[in-house]
């Protein structure tokens, strides 16, 4: 494939040599005062040819006859001029307030940025393309206030995206809506960042309300690149390659630390296991009390992963049409040393045709073919717990086949512990094929006033799962039996939208009216079958179900299907007077087949704005260029929840009455006639431009309530959990962002930006008998209750460690909790109610996995042909349950991390926060407490990129760049990463650092 791309590159390079060229010169000045504008950008539209003006505003550029020049400068309106035989072109640019004439894509239409009343953030293509990732949304991390993105380390995995907090108990019900060129999607893993023109995030209810029930958790609108009319083809080839490496690798206890803790624990069995290891593997020359094995299991299972991307695109257009076609290839190896990778090939096309002066048609098409090999998640868990006194390969384990992997059971331990059999004898393959098509017709019924548009999109996806377990033995009667599980998942989502839009102006009065209708049909079908005892399992061609034992299919074949319909009617009115007083309103009537009791819901929204800088008392201000106040309110229904459901329960009973036995039954019927989750939001915002438009400021305050929130409610009579409308959840916060941009001279320009978000998540109502909802497991309890965030950690509070026998004997816990058998080195818990007993009554809320604040920042510098960009990201206020560490409650004889080994209590004064080796094995210390709950705060160098552009009039434009993605992350949590989606770290895939070298060529 690389050979074909290079051949195309050389072919088109040769063709360009025959084009006719000419030189155009001129001066760029300010229309306000006639002063020259040094450093103004002058470029040829639809190409990469460009230059900047000198100190006197003078430029010179080589182009071709028929080209169009684009003139731009920070704080001024961009202007386009056709060359048309001219050799001198002088341009006067008008001041632009925050580039407010820029058109922003909103729901089913566009608006000028200055006319917006809602909270909408825009990210351009340059920012997105700096990040080498398989998913576009990973590139948005840290760039938009109010948007939390939790990274995913596994190849092909999608990050978790939350806009303005978590509004549903089930995190799956809080997924955002993606609108790509007018089509709707739940996931955009089929997009390549090089195909993106811009991303707009609709954060408040007023902005998102026009999209209805699927937009309750926010909307991300994505525009892909398109061609330009009357422009010859522009060919672009883009590639990068590099490697991924695990960062912040967790240090585990080494052999000596592990042996020391085992001896200190007082466990005769554990001391014997170490002796068994020394007898099997020999004694260390450095310490004869330690086996001659010191395995770093994380080092063994990790590797560097190669990442590669190639893309080629052609854009252009004729007198009545524009086109954009391209292909992208992406390949990513995982950092887990097994069959763990992701490969994707995308083909796309986008065509727009003006059939007549009033009729326009267009279509877009994407075919995505991806293969993903998922990791064995258990490898991370086993590597954490595997004892360091055992090697990966044990030559003495002759019963192991086909590889002599070690088995901890042969030393006396309960589990095999070795992660390599899971990694080597399993293959988890997903083949994902997607066909995404969208077509539209648009006609002007009344020229420049009344427009009708109809569009149809179809998202058809197939996901084939192929899960193979190969047979093996590990000795000690441990066997892995062969099996194959095949899954076939088909998804067909169809959408048909029709809108009628009227736009008109009456003097200073500007009005836009829109009415629309939307229909959706979403269908899913899943088939799975599992077979065991595979013949010829070693052959790739035999890893299919026809090789399985036919009798093994019994009870292992399943098929499920679902279909959902939706019908909506909506309208919008947008009015402004001289772009000074703004009014915006929407009304949407949604119907969903998910709700049996009342499938229809009416959801209104309204937004207002006041541009104070246009008032007489501010319009002549030299310091304040633009100031707008805005406020909005809106309601949205959320049907991204389970459909109404229920059950009929019949139980046989046996009882004795009057000394005689009787049999019978009880019957109960419980149904969840659920209604919509209703999202209601108030938003108050401010937008400002000052200091000659170099400094832009944005601020928002919002209150976002999810009413009728669907919660898992236990029905006492039948002891069954059903999802019901039973609560209210509030997300309340502040968003701030600021950007400073300036051109120093024709050679140097820079930009500095930052954003900050503070969000408080709180449950404000629960309607059940208990007054709270438990989640997690009994050992690692989470609880949802009024006044606290969703699913907060719930346990005991540690205030210290018993240092000596006197302190233990003086403690009231010694007599009141005799089963604890307290000793020095045990944890001291806070007696919350002062009764001298530590029990469930002393549990308190210990924090939540949702961050209370996030922040991001960026710096970009441009000097001549060099460019430099640096971005940062961080969060705080969230907690992480270190469950992998806490699972010592289930198995006491495994390894532990070095932090525990080093900081353990091992004598008076050695620690006042960590228990002793013996204490770690006692149920008293194993209770859920803030000892197992850690801070999730972190600061990260998110992205660093250095680039150099080679501009030569007779050669294609070439840009070289070096990128470091997530090179440094600073945190205190005892794990690979503090980015944990649900805050429970048991076997989380590490987030790697990525280093790449890239090349971009434009012809």
Foldseek 3Di string as FASTA:
>chain_A
DVVVVVVVVVVVLVVVLPADKDKAKEFEAAPVPRAGDFQKKKAWPPFDFIATAFPRRMDMGMDGQQTKIWIGDFQWAIDIGTCNPPRYDYYHTYGAFLVQQDWDDFPPGIDGNLQDFADKDKDFLVQQVQDPALASVVSCDFPFFQWHWFDAAFALDGIQIFGQDQFFLPSLLLQAWEAEPNDIDSGVSQDDSQFWGMKMKGRFCQRQPQVFFRHLRTYIYTYTDWADEPWDKKKKKKKWKFKWFFPPFFFFDWQVLLQVLLVQQVDPLLLQLQVLLCVQQNAPPVDRSTHVFTDQLVVVQFDMKMKMKIKMKMWYHYNFKTKIWMKMWIKIAHGGPAPGIKIKIKTKMKMKGDPDPFKIKIKIKMKMKMKGKHFDLCLLLLSFFARRSADQARPVQVQKPPGRGAASVSSPFDGRSRSVLVRYFKTKMKIKIKIKMKMKMKGAPDPPFKMKMKMKIKIKMKIKIWIWGHWIAHPPPDITWTKIKIKIKIKIKMKIKIKMWGWDDDPQKTKIKMKMKMKMKIKMKMKMWMFTDFPPVVDPVRSDDVRGDVVRRVPGIDMDMDMKIKIKIKMKMWMDGNSAKIKIKMKMWMAIPLADPDRIDIKIKMKIKGWVCPDPVRVPDQFWPTKMKMKMKIKHWHPSDGGKFWDKDKAKDWDADPNRIDIDIDIDIDIANADTFMKIKIKIKMWTAGDSRQKIKIKMWMKIKGALHWDFAQDVVVRHTDTYSFWMKIKTKMKIKMKGWDDPRSFKIKMKMKMKMFIAIFTAGGDYDVQKDWDDDPQFIFIHHGPHHRRFTKFWAFDWFAAAPVSVVPQLACVQVVVQVDGGQATDTDPCVPPSYDDNVRMDGDFFQDFRMKMKMKMWMGGHQKIKMWMKIWTWRGKAQAVSQLCCQPPVNTIHTVVLSCQGDDHGPSTTLHGRSNNSNTPNRSGDYCSRMGILTKMWRAKIKMKGWDDDPSGWIKMKMKMKGRPDMDDDDSHSHSSDPGRYDSRRRHNIIIIMIMMMTMD
